[in-house]
């Protein structure tokens, strides 16, 4: 099984984090052209998420030491914008560990939006104590999303 070390994001992680986002979202939603969205995502990452969020990254240990296998972003309001886990680490405890880090950084609660058709992610959040709060539509993609919240 893969071992991971969690640590705060560094500017040196930018390219690896963006590449991981691109790769995992492309796998999860192959019908969406994430190549076309990549530059806008990079700008959002640099101009919105990095300045306003705490970001925890997961590095692989062992033979693949130093490779980023996941990350989570949480802002000062407790909004979790991104929880990304490399598909090679799906089924491990990495998502749980990243989410636990987010809960530590936002001990009063967390809110998030998850794609309504992402049953795997919804089950993951429910298993980790999140509850459905409302339904909405993502203004960028037009996809249905589900609002969820966790309270301690």
C-alpha atoms as a PDB file:
ATOM      1  CA  UNK A   1       0.000   0.000   0.000  1.00  0.00           C
ATOM      2  CA  UNK A   2       1.166   3.540  -0.673  1.00  0.00           C
ATOM      3  CA  UNK A   3       2.333   5.674   2.203  1.00  0.00           C
ATOM      4  CA  UNK A   4       1.808   9.403   2.182  1.00  0.00           C
ATOM      5  CA  UNK A   5       3.144  12.425   4.041  1.00  0.00           C
ATOM      6  CA  UNK A   6       0.865  15.440   4.453  1.00  0.00           C
ATOM      7  CA  UNK A   7       2.345  18.933   4.492  1.00  0.00           C
ATOM      8  CA  UNK A   8       1.446  22.542   3.668  1.00  0.00           C
ATOM      9  CA  UNK A   9       1.428  23.598   0.019  1.00  0.00           C
ATOM     10  CA  UNK A  10       4.494  25.359  -1.337  1.00  0.00           C
ATOM     11  CA  UNK A  11       4.821  27.466  -4.498  1.00  0.00           C
ATOM     12  CA  UNK A  12       7.074  24.686  -5.804  1.00  0.00           C
ATOM     13  CA  UNK A  13       3.986  22.413  -5.869  1.00  0.00           C
ATOM     14  CA  UNK A  14       2.088  24.515  -8.412  1.00  0.00           C
ATOM     15  CA  UNK A  15       2.754  22.547 -11.597  1.00  0.00           C
ATOM     16  CA  UNK A  16       2.346  19.143  -9.916  1.00  0.00           C
ATOM     17  CA  UNK A  17      -0.929  20.161  -8.224  1.00  0.00           C
ATOM     18  CA  UNK A  18      -2.376  21.539 -11.453  1.00  0.00           C
ATOM     19  CA  UNK A  19      -1.286  18.437 -13.382  1.00  0.00           C
ATOM     20  CA  UNK A  20      -2.885  16.203 -10.740  1.00  0.00           C
ATOM     21  CA  UNK A  21      -6.136  18.206 -10.920  1.00  0.00           C
ATOM     22  CA  UNK A  22      -6.136  17.909 -14.715  1.00  0.00           C
ATOM     23  CA  UNK A  23      -5.395  14.172 -14.724  1.00  0.00           C
ATOM     24  CA  UNK A  24      -7.926  13.158 -12.074  1.00  0.00           C
ATOM     25  CA  UNK A  25     -10.783  15.301 -13.378  1.00  0.00           C
ATOM     26  CA  UNK A  26     -10.106  14.044 -16.919  1.00  0.00           C
ATOM     27  CA  UNK A  27     -10.400  10.476 -15.627  1.00  0.00           C
ATOM     28  CA  UNK A  28     -13.539  11.176 -13.606  1.00  0.00           C
ATOM     29  CA  UNK A  29     -15.300  13.056 -16.427  1.00  0.00           C
ATOM     30  CA  UNK A  30     -13.822  11.906 -19.778  1.00  0.00           C
ATOM     31  CA  UNK A  31     -16.626  13.608 -21.715  1.00  0.00           C
ATOM     32  CA  UNK A  32     -15.412  17.056 -20.581  1.00  0.00           C
ATOM     33  CA  UNK A  33     -12.501  18.704 -22.407  1.00  0.00           C
ATOM     34  CA  UNK A  34     -10.251  19.589 -19.482  1.00  0.00           C
ATOM     35  CA  UNK A  35      -7.430  20.493 -21.866  1.00  0.00           C
ATOM     36  CA  UNK A  36      -9.561  23.463 -22.929  1.00  0.00           C
ATOM     37  CA  UNK A  37     -10.110  24.418 -19.276  1.00  0.00           C
ATOM     38  CA  UNK A  38      -6.504  24.060 -18.156  1.00  0.00           C
ATOM     39  CA  UNK A  39      -5.368  27.681 -18.576  1.00  0.00           C
ATOM     40  CA  UNK A  40      -8.483  29.046 -16.842  1.00  0.00           C
ATOM     41  CA  UNK A  41      -7.955  26.539 -14.030  1.00  0.00           C
ATOM     42  CA  UNK A  42      -4.309  27.621 -13.627  1.00  0.00           C
ATOM     43  CA  UNK A  43      -5.431  31.253 -13.370  1.00  0.00           C
ATOM     44  CA  UNK A  44      -8.119  30.346 -10.830  1.00  0.00           C
ATOM     45  CA  UNK A  45      -5.610  28.309  -8.826  1.00  0.00           C
ATOM     46  CA  UNK A  46      -3.094  31.172  -8.728  1.00  0.00           C
ATOM     47  CA  UNK A  47      -5.499  34.100  -8.355  1.00  0.00           C
ATOM     48  CA  UNK A  48      -8.281  32.645  -6.200  1.00  0.00           C
ATOM     49  CA  UNK A  49      -7.410  29.436  -4.390  1.00  0.00           C
ATOM     50  CA  UNK A  50      -3.759  29.909  -3.426  1.00  0.00           C
ATOM     51  CA  UNK A  51      -4.225  33.430  -2.001  1.00  0.00           C
ATOM     52  CA  UNK A  52      -7.409  32.645  -0.050  1.00  0.00           C
ATOM     53  CA  UNK A  53      -7.032  29.025   1.042  1.00  0.00           C
ATOM     54  CA  UNK A  54      -4.923  26.820   3.177  1.00  0.00           C
ATOM     55  CA  UNK A  55      -3.768  23.937   1.032  1.00  0.00           C
ATOM     56  CA  UNK A  56      -2.498  20.610   2.296  1.00  0.00           C
ATOM     57  CA  UNK A  57      -0.695  18.334  -0.145  1.00  0.00           C
ATOM     58  CA  UNK A  58       0.000  14.636   0.147  1.00  0.00           C
ATOM     59  CA  UNK A  59       3.374  13.410  -1.032  1.00  0.00           C
ATOM     60  CA  UNK A  60       4.102   9.795  -1.785  1.00  0.00           C
ATOM     61  CA  UNK A  61       6.695   8.022   0.334  1.00  0.00           C
ATOM     62  CA  UNK A  62       8.924   5.166  -0.727  1.00  0.00           C
ATOM     63  CA  UNK A  63       9.971   4.656  -4.350  1.00  0.00           C
ATOM     64  CA  UNK A  64       7.787   7.493  -5.631  1.00  0.00           C
ATOM     65  CA  UNK A  65       8.846   9.876  -2.851  1.00  0.00           C
ATOM     66  CA  UNK A  66       8.077  13.511  -3.519  1.00  0.00           C
ATOM     67  CA  UNK A  67       5.291  12.961  -6.047  1.00  0.00           C
ATOM     68  CA  UNK A  68       2.038  14.677  -5.124  1.00  0.00           C
ATOM     69  CA  UNK A  69      -0.793  12.174  -4.727  1.00  0.00           C
ATOM     70  CA  UNK A  70      -3.484  14.544  -3.506  1.00  0.00           C
ATOM     71  CA  UNK A  71      -4.425  17.887  -2.025  1.00  0.00           C
ATOM     72  CA  UNK A  72      -7.231  19.676  -0.250  1.00  0.00           C
ATOM     73  CA  UNK A  73      -8.092  23.401  -0.189  1.00  0.00           C
ATOM     74  CA  UNK A  74     -10.037  25.065   2.622  1.00  0.00           C
ATOM     75  CA  UNK A  75     -10.675  28.794   2.959  1.00  0.00           C
ATOM     76  CA  UNK A  76     -11.225  30.934   6.048  1.00  0.00           C
ATOM     77  CA  UNK A  77     -15.017  30.524   5.809  1.00  0.00           C
ATOM     78  CA  UNK A  78     -14.711  26.734   5.911  1.00  0.00           C
ATOM     79  CA  UNK A  79     -15.443  26.235   2.220  1.00  0.00           C
ATOM     80  CA  UNK A  80     -13.699  23.186   0.778  1.00  0.00           C
ATOM     81  CA  UNK A  81     -13.240  23.949  -2.902  1.00  0.00           C
ATOM     82  CA  UNK A  82     -11.038  21.019  -3.922  1.00  0.00           C
ATOM     83  CA  UNK A  83     -10.220  17.586  -2.576  1.00  0.00           C
ATOM     84  CA  UNK A  84      -8.216  15.796  -5.253  1.00  0.00           C
ATOM     85  CA  UNK A  85      -6.767  12.296  -4.916  1.00  0.00           C
ATOM     86  CA  UNK A  86      -4.750  10.594  -7.628  1.00  0.00           C
ATOM     87  CA  UNK A  87      -6.739   7.661  -9.024  1.00  0.00           C
ATOM     88  CA  UNK A  88      -3.827   5.376  -8.107  1.00  0.00           C
ATOM     89  CA  UNK A  89      -4.557   6.233  -4.457  1.00  0.00           C
ATOM     90  CA  UNK A  90      -8.321   5.665  -4.659  1.00  0.00           C
ATOM     91  CA  UNK A  91      -9.275   3.031  -2.127  1.00  0.00           C
ATOM     92  CA  UNK A  92      -6.534   4.061   0.287  1.00  0.00           C
ATOM     93  CA  UNK A  93      -7.041   6.235   3.371  1.00  0.00           C
ATOM     94  CA  UNK A  94      -5.591   9.295   1.622  1.00  0.00           C
ATOM     95  CA  UNK A  95      -8.922  11.049   1.020  1.00  0.00           C
ATOM     96  CA  UNK A  96      -9.875  10.506   4.664  1.00  0.00           C
ATOM     97  CA  UNK A  97      -6.532  11.889   5.825  1.00  0.00           C
ATOM     98  CA  UNK A  98      -6.818  14.984   3.640  1.00  0.00           C
ATOM     99  CA  UNK A  99     -10.375  15.569   4.837  1.00  0.00           C
ATOM    100  CA  UNK A 100      -9.291  15.173   8.468  1.00  0.00           C
ATOM    101  CA  UNK A 101      -6.670  17.861   7.819  1.00  0.00           C
ATOM    102  CA  UNK A 102      -9.361  20.158   6.427  1.00  0.00           C
ATOM    103  CA  UNK A 103     -11.525  19.525   9.513  1.00  0.00           C
ATOM    104  CA  UNK A 104      -8.562  20.437  11.723  1.00  0.00           C
ATOM    105  CA  UNK A 105      -8.061  23.678   9.786  1.00  0.00           C
ATOM    106  CA  UNK A 106     -11.788  24.475   9.934  1.00  0.00           C
ATOM    107  CA  UNK A 107     -12.948  23.056  13.285  1.00  0.00           C
ATOM    108  CA  UNK A 108     -16.256  24.961  13.276  1.00  0.00           C
ATOM    109  CA  UNK A 109     -17.504  23.276  10.120  1.00  0.00           C
ATOM    110  CA  UNK A 110     -17.026  22.787   6.407  1.00  0.00           C
ATOM    111  CA  UNK A 111     -19.248  23.415   3.413  1.00  0.00           C
ATOM    112  CA  UNK A 112     -18.725  22.200  -0.131  1.00  0.00           C
ATOM    113  CA  UNK A 113     -20.351  21.585  -3.474  1.00  0.00           C
ATOM    114  CA  UNK A 114     -19.997  18.202  -5.164  1.00  0.00           C
ATOM    115  CA  UNK A 115     -21.191  17.169  -8.606  1.00  0.00           C
ATOM    116  CA  UNK A 116     -24.591  15.546  -8.124  1.00  0.00           C
ATOM    117  CA  UNK A 117     -23.654  12.710 -10.490  1.00  0.00           C
ATOM    118  CA  UNK A 118     -20.465  11.882  -8.560  1.00  0.00           C
ATOM    119  CA  UNK A 119     -21.908   9.098  -6.407  1.00  0.00           C
ATOM    120  CA  UNK A 120     -18.464   7.959  -5.245  1.00  0.00           C
ATOM    121  CA  UNK A 121     -17.624  11.403  -3.849  1.00  0.00           C
ATOM    122  CA  UNK A 122     -21.055  11.821  -2.262  1.00  0.00           C
ATOM    123  CA  UNK A 123     -20.692   8.462  -0.473  1.00  0.00           C
ATOM    124  CA  UNK A 124     -17.197   9.493   0.674  1.00  0.00           C
ATOM    125  CA  UNK A 125     -18.442  12.767   2.173  1.00  0.00           C
ATOM    126  CA  UNK A 126     -21.471  11.121   3.790  1.00  0.00           C
ATOM    127  CA  UNK A 127     -19.208   8.478   5.341  1.00  0.00           C
ATOM    128  CA  UNK A 128     -17.149  11.348   6.759  1.00  0.00           C
ATOM    129  CA  UNK A 129     -20.109  13.023   8.458  1.00  0.00           C
ATOM    130  CA  UNK A 130     -21.313  15.434   5.763  1.00  0.00           C
ATOM    131  CA  UNK A 131     -25.020  16.012   5.182  1.00  0.00           C
ATOM    132  CA  UNK A 132     -26.876  17.212   2.086  1.00  0.00           C
ATOM    133  CA  UNK A 133     -28.041  20.826   2.449  1.00  0.00           C
ATOM    134  CA  UNK A 134     -29.285  21.928  -0.969  1.00  0.00           C
ATOM    135  CA  UNK A 135     -29.160  21.410  -4.715  1.00  0.00           C
ATOM    136  CA  UNK A 136     -27.662  23.958  -7.092  1.00  0.00           C
ATOM    137  CA  UNK A 137     -26.064  24.369 -10.516  1.00  0.00           C
ATOM    138  CA  UNK A 138     -22.384  25.028 -11.160  1.00  0.00           C
ATOM    139  CA  UNK A 139     -22.269  28.386 -12.993  1.00  0.00           C
ATOM    140  CA  UNK A 140     -19.193  27.374 -15.027  1.00  0.00           C
ATOM    141  CA  UNK A 141     -20.123  23.873 -16.152  1.00  0.00           C
ATOM    142  CA  UNK A 142     -23.914  24.040 -15.881  1.00  0.00           C
ATOM    143  CA  UNK A 143     -23.807  20.689 -14.060  1.00  0.00           C
ATOM    144  CA  UNK A 144     -26.054  19.913 -11.118  1.00  0.00           C
ATOM    145  CA  UNK A 145     -24.237  20.110  -7.780  1.00  0.00           C
ATOM    146  CA  UNK A 146     -25.132  19.090  -4.261  1.00  0.00           C
ATOM    147  CA  UNK A 147     -24.360  21.342  -1.309  1.00  0.00           C
ATOM    148  CA  UNK A 148     -23.041  19.497   1.712  1.00  0.00           C
ATOM    149  CA  UNK A 149     -21.956  20.477   5.203  1.00  0.00           C
ATOM    150  CA  UNK A 150     -20.046  19.006   8.111  1.00  0.00           C
ATOM    151  CA  UNK A 151     -20.469  20.281  11.653  1.00  0.00           C
ATOM    152  CA  UNK A 152     -18.461  18.959  14.607  1.00  0.00           C
END
